[in-house]
N, C-alpha and C. Protein backbone atom coordinates (compact mmCIF):
# COMPACT_ATOMS: atom_id res chain seq x y z
N MET A 1 1.10 20.98 54.99
CA MET A 1 0.29 20.51 56.07
C MET A 1 1.02 20.72 57.39
N LYS A 2 0.30 21.28 58.32
CA LYS A 2 0.87 21.59 59.61
C LYS A 2 0.44 20.52 60.62
N ILE A 3 1.37 20.00 61.37
CA ILE A 3 1.07 18.99 62.39
C ILE A 3 1.20 19.66 63.77
N SER A 4 0.16 19.46 64.58
CA SER A 4 0.17 20.04 65.92
C SER A 4 0.87 19.09 66.87
N LEU A 5 1.78 19.59 67.63
CA LEU A 5 2.51 18.76 68.59
C LEU A 5 2.08 19.04 70.03
N LYS A 6 0.91 19.63 70.22
CA LYS A 6 0.42 19.91 71.57
C LYS A 6 0.04 18.61 72.25
N SER A 7 0.40 18.50 73.51
CA SER A 7 -0.04 17.35 74.29
C SER A 7 -0.51 17.85 75.65
N GLY A 8 -1.29 17.05 76.36
CA GLY A 8 -1.80 17.45 77.66
C GLY A 8 -3.26 17.84 77.60
N PHE A 9 -3.71 18.42 78.71
CA PHE A 9 -5.12 18.77 78.85
C PHE A 9 -5.28 20.28 78.77
N SER A 10 -6.42 20.66 78.30
CA SER A 10 -6.72 22.09 78.27
C SER A 10 -7.20 22.53 79.65
N ILE A 11 -7.22 23.80 79.90
CA ILE A 11 -7.69 24.35 81.18
C ILE A 11 -9.13 23.94 81.42
N LEU A 12 -9.94 23.96 80.41
CA LEU A 12 -11.35 23.60 80.54
C LEU A 12 -11.50 22.15 80.98
N GLU A 13 -10.72 21.26 80.39
CA GLU A 13 -10.79 19.85 80.77
C GLU A 13 -10.36 19.66 82.23
N LEU A 14 -9.33 20.35 82.66
CA LEU A 14 -8.88 20.25 84.05
C LEU A 14 -9.94 20.79 85.01
N LEU A 15 -10.57 21.89 84.67
CA LEU A 15 -11.62 22.45 85.52
C LEU A 15 -12.81 21.50 85.65
N ILE A 16 -13.17 20.86 84.57
CA ILE A 16 -14.29 19.90 84.61
C ILE A 16 -13.94 18.72 85.51
N VAL A 17 -12.74 18.19 85.39
CA VAL A 17 -12.31 17.06 86.23
C VAL A 17 -12.29 17.48 87.70
N LEU A 18 -11.77 18.66 88.01
CA LEU A 18 -11.72 19.13 89.39
C LEU A 18 -13.13 19.36 89.94
N MET A 19 -14.04 19.86 89.13
CA MET A 19 -15.40 20.08 89.57
C MET A 19 -16.08 18.74 89.89
N ILE A 20 -15.89 17.75 89.07
CA ILE A 20 -16.47 16.42 89.31
C ILE A 20 -15.89 15.82 90.59
N ALA A 21 -14.58 15.94 90.78
CA ALA A 21 -13.94 15.42 92.00
C ALA A 21 -14.49 16.13 93.23
N GLY A 22 -14.69 17.43 93.15
CA GLY A 22 -15.24 18.20 94.27
C GLY A 22 -16.66 17.77 94.61
N LEU A 23 -17.47 17.54 93.60
CA LEU A 23 -18.85 17.08 93.84
C LEU A 23 -18.86 15.70 94.50
N LEU A 24 -18.00 14.82 94.05
CA LEU A 24 -17.91 13.48 94.66
C LEU A 24 -17.46 13.58 96.12
N ALA A 25 -16.48 14.43 96.39
CA ALA A 25 -16.00 14.61 97.77
C ALA A 25 -17.10 15.19 98.65
N ALA A 26 -17.84 16.17 98.16
CA ALA A 26 -18.93 16.77 98.93
C ALA A 26 -20.00 15.74 99.24
N GLY A 27 -20.33 14.90 98.28
CA GLY A 27 -21.32 13.84 98.50
C GLY A 27 -20.85 12.85 99.55
N ALA A 28 -19.58 12.49 99.51
CA ALA A 28 -19.03 11.54 100.48
C ALA A 28 -19.04 12.14 101.89
N ILE A 29 -18.69 13.41 102.01
CA ILE A 29 -18.68 14.07 103.32
C ILE A 29 -20.09 14.15 103.88
N TYR A 30 -21.06 14.50 103.05
CA TYR A 30 -22.45 14.56 103.51
C TYR A 30 -22.93 13.20 103.99
N THR A 31 -22.66 12.16 103.21
CA THR A 31 -23.07 10.81 103.58
C THR A 31 -22.44 10.39 104.90
N LEU A 32 -21.18 10.73 105.09
CA LEU A 32 -20.49 10.39 106.34
C LEU A 32 -21.11 11.13 107.52
N SER A 33 -21.43 12.40 107.36
CA SER A 33 -22.01 13.16 108.48
C SER A 33 -23.40 12.64 108.83
N VAL A 34 -24.19 12.26 107.84
CA VAL A 34 -25.51 11.68 108.10
C VAL A 34 -25.36 10.35 108.84
N SER A 35 -24.41 9.55 108.42
CA SER A 35 -24.17 8.26 109.05
C SER A 35 -23.75 8.43 110.52
N ARG A 36 -22.88 9.38 110.78
CA ARG A 36 -22.44 9.63 112.15
C ARG A 36 -23.59 10.13 113.03
N ALA A 37 -24.40 11.03 112.51
CA ALA A 37 -25.54 11.55 113.28
C ALA A 37 -26.54 10.43 113.58
N THR A 38 -26.78 9.58 112.62
CA THR A 38 -27.69 8.45 112.81
C THR A 38 -27.15 7.50 113.88
N SER A 39 -25.85 7.27 113.86
CA SER A 39 -25.21 6.42 114.85
C SER A 39 -25.32 7.03 116.26
N ARG A 40 -25.09 8.33 116.37
CA ARG A 40 -25.23 8.99 117.68
C ARG A 40 -26.67 8.91 118.18
N ASP A 41 -27.64 9.08 117.29
CA ASP A 41 -29.04 8.97 117.68
C ASP A 41 -29.37 7.56 118.15
N ALA A 42 -28.82 6.55 117.49
CA ALA A 42 -29.06 5.17 117.90
C ALA A 42 -28.53 4.93 119.31
N LYS A 43 -27.37 5.50 119.63
CA LYS A 43 -26.82 5.37 120.98
C LYS A 43 -27.72 6.08 121.99
N ARG A 44 -28.20 7.26 121.65
CA ARG A 44 -29.09 7.99 122.56
C ARG A 44 -30.36 7.18 122.86
N VAL A 45 -30.98 6.66 121.82
CA VAL A 45 -32.20 5.87 121.98
C VAL A 45 -31.93 4.64 122.84
N SER A 46 -30.80 3.97 122.60
CA SER A 46 -30.42 2.80 123.39
C SER A 46 -30.17 3.18 124.85
N ASP A 47 -29.43 4.26 125.08
CA ASP A 47 -29.15 4.71 126.45
C ASP A 47 -30.44 5.00 127.21
N ILE A 48 -31.36 5.67 126.58
CA ILE A 48 -32.62 6.02 127.24
C ILE A 48 -33.42 4.76 127.56
N SER A 49 -33.41 3.80 126.66
CA SER A 49 -34.11 2.54 126.90
C SER A 49 -33.50 1.81 128.11
N VAL A 50 -32.18 1.77 128.17
CA VAL A 50 -31.50 1.12 129.30
C VAL A 50 -31.82 1.86 130.60
N MET A 51 -31.79 3.17 130.57
CA MET A 51 -32.06 3.96 131.77
C MET A 51 -33.51 3.78 132.23
N ARG A 52 -34.44 3.73 131.29
CA ARG A 52 -35.85 3.50 131.66
C ARG A 52 -36.02 2.13 132.32
N SER A 53 -35.33 1.12 131.79
CA SER A 53 -35.39 -0.22 132.39
C SER A 53 -34.81 -0.22 133.81
N ALA A 54 -33.69 0.46 133.99
CA ALA A 54 -33.07 0.54 135.31
C ALA A 54 -33.97 1.28 136.30
N LEU A 55 -34.61 2.34 135.85
CA LEU A 55 -35.52 3.08 136.74
C LEU A 55 -36.75 2.24 137.08
N SER A 56 -37.20 1.40 136.16
CA SER A 56 -38.32 0.49 136.45
C SER A 56 -37.91 -0.51 137.53
N GLN A 57 -36.68 -1.01 137.42
CA GLN A 57 -36.17 -1.94 138.43
C GLN A 57 -36.07 -1.24 139.79
N TYR A 58 -35.61 -0.01 139.80
CA TYR A 58 -35.54 0.78 141.04
C TYR A 58 -36.93 0.94 141.64
N TRP A 59 -37.91 1.25 140.78
CA TRP A 59 -39.30 1.41 141.23
C TRP A 59 -39.81 0.12 141.88
N LEU A 60 -39.49 -1.03 141.30
CA LEU A 60 -39.94 -2.31 141.85
C LEU A 60 -39.35 -2.55 143.24
N GLN A 61 -38.13 -2.07 143.48
CA GLN A 61 -37.48 -2.27 144.77
C GLN A 61 -37.95 -1.27 145.83
N LYS A 62 -38.27 -0.05 145.42
CA LYS A 62 -38.54 1.00 146.40
C LYS A 62 -39.92 1.65 146.26
N ALA A 63 -40.64 1.39 145.21
CA ALA A 63 -41.95 2.00 144.93
C ALA A 63 -41.86 3.52 144.85
N SER A 64 -40.72 4.01 144.39
CA SER A 64 -40.53 5.44 144.11
C SER A 64 -39.33 5.56 143.17
N TYR A 65 -39.12 6.75 142.68
CA TYR A 65 -37.96 7.02 141.82
C TYR A 65 -36.97 7.89 142.57
N PRO A 66 -35.70 7.87 142.19
CA PRO A 66 -34.74 8.79 142.81
C PRO A 66 -35.21 10.23 142.59
N VAL A 67 -35.49 10.95 143.66
CA VAL A 67 -36.05 12.29 143.58
C VAL A 67 -34.95 13.30 143.27
N SER A 68 -35.24 14.20 142.33
CA SER A 68 -34.27 15.22 141.97
C SER A 68 -34.98 16.39 141.29
N GLN A 69 -34.50 17.60 141.57
CA GLN A 69 -34.99 18.78 140.86
C GLN A 69 -34.37 18.86 139.48
N GLY A 70 -33.32 18.09 139.27
CA GLY A 70 -32.68 18.05 137.97
C GLY A 70 -31.18 17.81 138.07
N VAL A 71 -30.70 16.77 137.42
CA VAL A 71 -29.26 16.48 137.36
C VAL A 71 -28.91 16.05 135.95
N GLU A 72 -27.67 16.32 135.58
CA GLU A 72 -27.15 15.82 134.31
C GLU A 72 -26.49 14.48 134.61
N LEU A 73 -27.04 13.40 134.09
CA LEU A 73 -26.57 12.06 134.42
C LEU A 73 -25.12 11.86 134.00
N GLY A 74 -24.33 11.29 134.92
CA GLY A 74 -22.95 10.98 134.63
C GLY A 74 -21.98 12.13 134.83
N LYS A 75 -22.49 13.32 135.07
CA LYS A 75 -21.62 14.48 135.27
C LYS A 75 -21.14 14.50 136.71
N ALA A 76 -19.86 14.74 136.90
CA ALA A 76 -19.29 14.75 138.24
C ALA A 76 -20.01 15.76 139.12
N GLU A 77 -20.22 15.39 140.36
CA GLU A 77 -20.81 16.24 141.38
C GLU A 77 -22.26 16.61 141.11
N GLN A 78 -22.93 15.87 140.28
CA GLN A 78 -24.37 16.08 140.03
C GLN A 78 -25.07 14.78 140.42
N ASN A 79 -25.47 14.68 141.67
CA ASN A 79 -26.08 13.46 142.17
C ASN A 79 -27.47 13.73 142.73
N ALA A 80 -28.24 12.68 142.79
CA ALA A 80 -29.52 12.69 143.49
C ALA A 80 -29.52 11.44 144.36
N ILE A 81 -30.41 11.38 145.31
CA ILE A 81 -30.46 10.17 146.13
C ILE A 81 -30.76 9.00 145.22
N GLY A 82 -29.89 8.03 145.21
CA GLY A 82 -30.04 6.87 144.34
C GLY A 82 -29.29 7.00 143.04
N LEU A 83 -28.98 8.22 142.63
CA LEU A 83 -28.20 8.47 141.41
C LEU A 83 -26.87 9.06 141.82
N THR A 84 -25.80 8.30 141.65
CA THR A 84 -24.48 8.78 142.03
C THR A 84 -23.55 8.65 140.84
N THR A 85 -22.32 9.09 141.02
CA THR A 85 -21.34 8.91 139.94
C THR A 85 -21.01 7.44 139.76
N ASP A 86 -21.36 6.60 140.76
CA ASP A 86 -21.17 5.15 140.63
C ASP A 86 -22.28 4.51 139.80
N GLY A 87 -23.37 5.21 139.61
CA GLY A 87 -24.48 4.68 138.83
C GLY A 87 -25.79 4.81 139.58
N LEU A 88 -26.77 4.05 139.15
CA LEU A 88 -28.08 4.01 139.80
C LEU A 88 -27.99 2.97 140.90
N VAL A 89 -28.09 3.43 142.15
CA VAL A 89 -27.91 2.57 143.32
C VAL A 89 -29.28 2.24 143.89
N GLY A 90 -29.40 1.03 144.38
CA GLY A 90 -30.67 0.57 144.94
C GLY A 90 -31.12 1.39 146.14
N PRO A 91 -32.25 1.02 146.74
CA PRO A 91 -32.84 1.78 147.84
C PRO A 91 -31.86 2.11 148.96
N ASP A 92 -32.04 3.29 149.53
CA ASP A 92 -31.26 3.80 150.66
C ASP A 92 -29.79 3.98 150.34
N GLY A 93 -29.43 3.98 149.09
CA GLY A 93 -28.05 4.21 148.70
C GLY A 93 -27.13 3.05 149.02
N GLY A 94 -27.60 2.08 149.80
CA GLY A 94 -26.75 0.97 150.18
C GLY A 94 -27.09 -0.30 149.42
N GLY A 95 -28.05 -0.22 148.55
CA GLY A 95 -28.46 -1.40 147.79
C GLY A 95 -27.49 -1.72 146.67
N ALA A 96 -27.81 -2.74 145.95
CA ALA A 96 -26.98 -3.14 144.82
C ALA A 96 -27.01 -2.06 143.74
N VAL A 97 -25.93 -1.98 143.01
CA VAL A 97 -25.87 -1.04 141.90
C VAL A 97 -26.72 -1.61 140.76
N ILE A 98 -27.73 -0.88 140.35
CA ILE A 98 -28.65 -1.34 139.31
C ILE A 98 -28.08 -1.06 137.93
N LEU A 99 -27.45 0.09 137.77
CA LEU A 99 -26.89 0.47 136.47
C LEU A 99 -25.61 1.26 136.70
N SER A 100 -24.52 0.75 136.18
CA SER A 100 -23.25 1.46 136.32
C SER A 100 -22.40 1.21 135.09
N PRO A 101 -21.80 2.23 134.56
CA PRO A 101 -21.98 3.64 134.88
C PRO A 101 -23.26 4.16 134.25
N LEU A 102 -23.67 5.33 134.70
CA LEU A 102 -24.83 5.97 134.08
C LEU A 102 -24.47 6.36 132.65
N PRO A 103 -25.38 6.20 131.73
CA PRO A 103 -25.07 6.55 130.33
C PRO A 103 -24.91 8.06 130.16
N ILE A 104 -23.99 8.43 129.29
CA ILE A 104 -23.83 9.83 128.91
C ILE A 104 -23.96 9.92 127.40
N GLY A 105 -24.23 11.09 126.91
CA GLY A 105 -24.44 11.29 125.47
C GLY A 105 -23.21 10.95 124.64
N PRO A 106 -23.41 10.70 123.36
CA PRO A 106 -22.32 10.29 122.48
C PRO A 106 -21.36 11.41 122.09
N LYS A 107 -21.72 12.66 122.31
CA LYS A 107 -20.83 13.78 122.00
C LYS A 107 -20.17 14.28 123.28
N ALA A 108 -19.02 14.94 123.13
CA ALA A 108 -18.33 15.49 124.29
C ALA A 108 -19.23 16.48 125.02
N ASN A 109 -19.22 16.39 126.34
CA ASN A 109 -20.01 17.28 127.20
C ASN A 109 -21.51 17.24 126.92
N GLU A 110 -22.00 16.10 126.49
CA GLU A 110 -23.44 15.90 126.29
C GLU A 110 -23.95 14.95 127.37
N TYR A 111 -24.92 15.41 128.13
CA TYR A 111 -25.46 14.61 129.22
C TYR A 111 -26.98 14.52 129.07
N TYR A 112 -27.55 13.46 129.63
CA TYR A 112 -28.99 13.33 129.67
C TYR A 112 -29.46 14.00 130.96
N PHE A 113 -30.55 14.74 130.90
CA PHE A 113 -31.04 15.48 132.05
C PHE A 113 -32.18 14.71 132.70
N TYR A 114 -32.05 14.45 134.01
CA TYR A 114 -33.04 13.67 134.77
C TYR A 114 -33.66 14.56 135.84
N LYS A 115 -34.97 14.52 135.94
CA LYS A 115 -35.64 15.13 137.08
C LYS A 115 -36.82 14.25 137.45
N ALA A 116 -37.14 14.25 138.75
CA ALA A 116 -38.19 13.33 139.19
C ALA A 116 -38.81 13.74 140.51
N THR A 117 -40.03 13.27 140.69
CA THR A 117 -40.71 13.30 141.98
C THR A 117 -40.77 11.85 142.43
N VAL A 118 -41.36 11.61 143.58
CA VAL A 118 -41.46 10.23 144.06
C VAL A 118 -42.23 9.36 143.07
N GLY A 119 -43.25 9.93 142.43
CA GLY A 119 -44.13 9.14 141.58
C GLY A 119 -43.88 9.18 140.09
N GLY A 120 -42.90 9.94 139.63
CA GLY A 120 -42.65 10.00 138.19
C GLY A 120 -41.33 10.66 137.86
N TYR A 121 -40.89 10.48 136.64
CA TYR A 121 -39.61 11.06 136.22
C TYR A 121 -39.68 11.49 134.76
N SER A 122 -38.71 12.27 134.36
CA SER A 122 -38.51 12.57 132.94
C SER A 122 -37.02 12.60 132.66
N LEU A 123 -36.65 12.03 131.55
CA LEU A 123 -35.27 12.02 131.06
C LEU A 123 -35.25 12.80 129.76
N ARG A 124 -34.52 13.91 129.73
CA ARG A 124 -34.48 14.74 128.52
C ARG A 124 -33.28 14.35 127.67
N PHE A 125 -33.54 14.21 126.37
CA PHE A 125 -32.47 13.96 125.41
C PHE A 125 -32.89 14.56 124.07
N SER A 126 -31.92 14.75 123.20
CA SER A 126 -32.20 15.34 121.89
C SER A 126 -31.70 14.43 120.79
N THR A 127 -32.36 14.49 119.65
CA THR A 127 -31.91 13.73 118.48
C THR A 127 -31.53 14.71 117.37
N GLU A 128 -30.62 14.27 116.52
CA GLU A 128 -30.14 15.10 115.42
C GLU A 128 -30.90 14.85 114.13
N ARG A 129 -31.44 13.65 113.98
CA ARG A 129 -32.13 13.25 112.76
C ARG A 129 -33.45 12.60 113.16
N GLU A 130 -34.22 12.21 112.20
CA GLU A 130 -35.49 11.53 112.46
C GLU A 130 -35.21 10.15 113.05
N THR A 131 -35.96 9.80 114.11
CA THR A 131 -35.84 8.49 114.74
C THR A 131 -37.24 7.89 114.84
N ALA A 132 -37.34 6.77 115.54
CA ALA A 132 -38.64 6.13 115.76
C ALA A 132 -39.57 7.04 116.55
N TYR A 133 -39.01 7.99 117.31
CA TYR A 133 -39.83 8.91 118.10
C TYR A 133 -40.38 10.07 117.28
N GLY A 134 -39.80 10.33 116.13
CA GLY A 134 -40.26 11.44 115.29
C GLY A 134 -39.08 12.21 114.73
N SER A 135 -39.35 13.43 114.31
CA SER A 135 -38.32 14.26 113.69
C SER A 135 -37.28 14.69 114.73
N ALA A 136 -36.19 15.26 114.26
CA ALA A 136 -35.12 15.72 115.14
C ALA A 136 -35.68 16.72 116.14
N GLY A 137 -35.22 16.63 117.39
CA GLY A 137 -35.69 17.56 118.41
C GLY A 137 -35.43 17.04 119.80
N THR A 138 -36.03 17.69 120.78
CA THR A 138 -35.88 17.32 122.19
C THR A 138 -37.04 16.43 122.61
N TYR A 139 -36.70 15.35 123.32
CA TYR A 139 -37.69 14.38 123.77
C TYR A 139 -37.53 14.13 125.26
N TYR A 140 -38.60 13.63 125.87
CA TYR A 140 -38.61 13.31 127.29
C TYR A 140 -39.10 11.88 127.45
N ALA A 141 -38.31 11.08 128.14
CA ALA A 141 -38.69 9.69 128.41
C ALA A 141 -39.33 9.64 129.80
N HIS A 142 -40.40 8.87 129.91
CA HIS A 142 -41.12 8.68 131.16
C HIS A 142 -41.32 7.18 131.33
N ALA A 143 -41.87 6.77 132.46
CA ALA A 143 -42.14 5.35 132.67
C ALA A 143 -43.08 4.80 131.61
N GLY A 144 -43.99 5.64 131.12
CA GLY A 144 -44.99 5.18 130.16
C GLY A 144 -44.60 5.32 128.70
N GLY A 145 -43.47 5.92 128.40
CA GLY A 145 -43.08 6.09 127.01
C GLY A 145 -42.20 7.30 126.80
N VAL A 146 -42.10 7.70 125.55
CA VAL A 146 -41.27 8.84 125.16
C VAL A 146 -42.13 9.80 124.34
N ASP A 147 -42.08 11.08 124.69
CA ASP A 147 -42.83 12.09 123.95
C ASP A 147 -42.10 13.43 124.07
N GLN A 148 -42.76 14.49 123.69
CA GLN A 148 -42.13 15.81 123.75
C GLN A 148 -42.70 16.68 124.86
N GLU A 149 -43.31 16.04 125.88
CA GLU A 149 -43.88 16.76 127.02
C GLU A 149 -42.95 16.64 128.21
N ASP A 150 -42.57 17.77 128.78
CA ASP A 150 -41.67 17.80 129.94
C ASP A 150 -42.48 17.69 131.22
N VAL A 151 -42.95 16.47 131.50
CA VAL A 151 -43.76 16.21 132.68
C VAL A 151 -43.25 14.93 133.33
N GLU A 152 -43.10 14.96 134.65
CA GLU A 152 -42.69 13.74 135.35
C GLU A 152 -43.90 12.83 135.50
N ARG A 153 -43.81 11.65 134.96
CA ARG A 153 -44.88 10.67 135.14
C ARG A 153 -44.33 9.27 135.08
């Protein structure tokens, strides 16, 4: 009778264990990336809500919005009357600061785009995942709500 003295794992067993570990790691990385994207979208939605409230307060004080052909909020040297690097300033630039600092996007070099006429505005922002506004994409906030139409109102 022959007794086998082999000990350890076979190559097949090691490959199966490594494959299972790889699948678990891939699942964890995917879950983490989804969680981070959802968190960034929540910040974007919150920032836009805060900015809409501040613009409503500005409207109540001046009966107009800060007029601009388009600025990236919070970006240095991109100002409009009433919108400065110090924040959203009340009427005539000398009023109380309504919102400071202006919100910027959650990713590096991501800014919200603002443009307005005296009677309306639009704030452009993008989402990475589905939110309360709909599927991932570019949205525009106005005084009356949020949609995918680039119109100042």
